[in-house]
Amino acid sequence: MEKRVLVKIDKDKTELTLREVLDRIKEIQDQHPEMDVFFDGDQYAICGRMRKSPE
């Protein structure tokens, strides 16, 4: 499954708190229950990928 960047965060110019990032992840998960949503520290972004369907 390929991940997609959903929200890119400029780490040099952001004033977001960890709580705000976690709240945004929760909001995206609620809107898209078919996706795994997570923070990618290498890309400094909130990313998502489609969940694997049970076979």
Protein backbone atom coordinates (compact mmCIF):
# COMPACT_ATOMS: atom_id res chain seq x y z
CA MET A 1 0.00 0.00 0.00
CA GLU A 2 1.34 3.37 -0.98
CA LYS A 3 1.25 6.22 1.51
CA ARG A 4 -0.03 9.67 0.60
CA VAL A 5 0.97 12.95 2.23
CA LEU A 6 -2.25 14.50 3.52
CA VAL A 7 -0.86 17.49 5.43
CA LYS A 8 2.70 18.77 5.01
CA ILE A 9 4.04 20.65 8.04
CA ASP A 10 6.82 23.21 7.65
CA LYS A 11 8.93 22.31 10.68
CA ASP A 12 10.89 25.58 10.54
CA LYS A 13 7.84 27.86 10.52
CA THR A 14 5.14 25.99 12.41
CA GLU A 15 3.74 26.85 15.80
CA LEU A 16 1.60 23.71 15.95
CA THR A 17 1.65 21.82 19.21
CA LEU A 18 1.80 18.06 19.44
CA ARG A 19 -1.82 18.09 20.69
CA GLU A 20 -2.92 20.01 17.55
CA VAL A 21 -1.16 17.51 15.29
CA LEU A 22 -2.74 14.57 17.13
CA ASP A 23 -6.17 16.25 16.97
CA ARG A 24 -5.75 16.74 13.21
CA ILE A 25 -4.78 13.07 12.78
CA LYS A 26 -7.91 12.04 14.74
CA GLU A 27 -10.07 14.35 12.61
CA ILE A 28 -8.72 12.85 9.37
CA GLN A 29 -9.18 9.30 10.72
CA ASP A 30 -12.80 10.10 11.57
CA GLN A 31 -13.40 11.47 8.05
CA HIS A 32 -11.65 8.53 6.35
CA PRO A 33 -12.15 5.33 8.37
CA GLU A 34 -10.86 3.27 5.43
CA MET A 35 -7.38 4.76 5.90
CA ASP A 36 -4.54 4.33 8.38
CA VAL A 37 -3.49 7.88 9.26
CA PHE A 38 -0.13 8.58 10.92
CA PHE A 39 2.62 11.16 11.40
CA ASP A 40 5.72 10.57 9.27
CA GLY A 41 8.68 12.13 11.06
CA ASP A 42 11.00 11.83 8.06
CA GLN A 43 8.68 13.86 5.83
CA TYR A 44 7.30 15.89 8.75
CA ALA A 45 3.81 15.28 7.47
CA ILE A 46 0.52 13.63 8.30
CA CYS A 47 0.21 10.71 5.93
CA GLY A 48 -2.33 8.05 5.15
CA ARG A 49 -2.65 4.77 3.32
CA MET A 50 -5.58 2.56 2.51
CA ARG A 51 -6.14 -0.25 4.98
CA LYS A 52 -5.55 -3.76 3.71
CA SER A 53 -8.84 -5.45 2.98
CA PRO A 54 -9.33 -8.85 4.60
CA GLU A 55 -8.96 -11.59 1.99
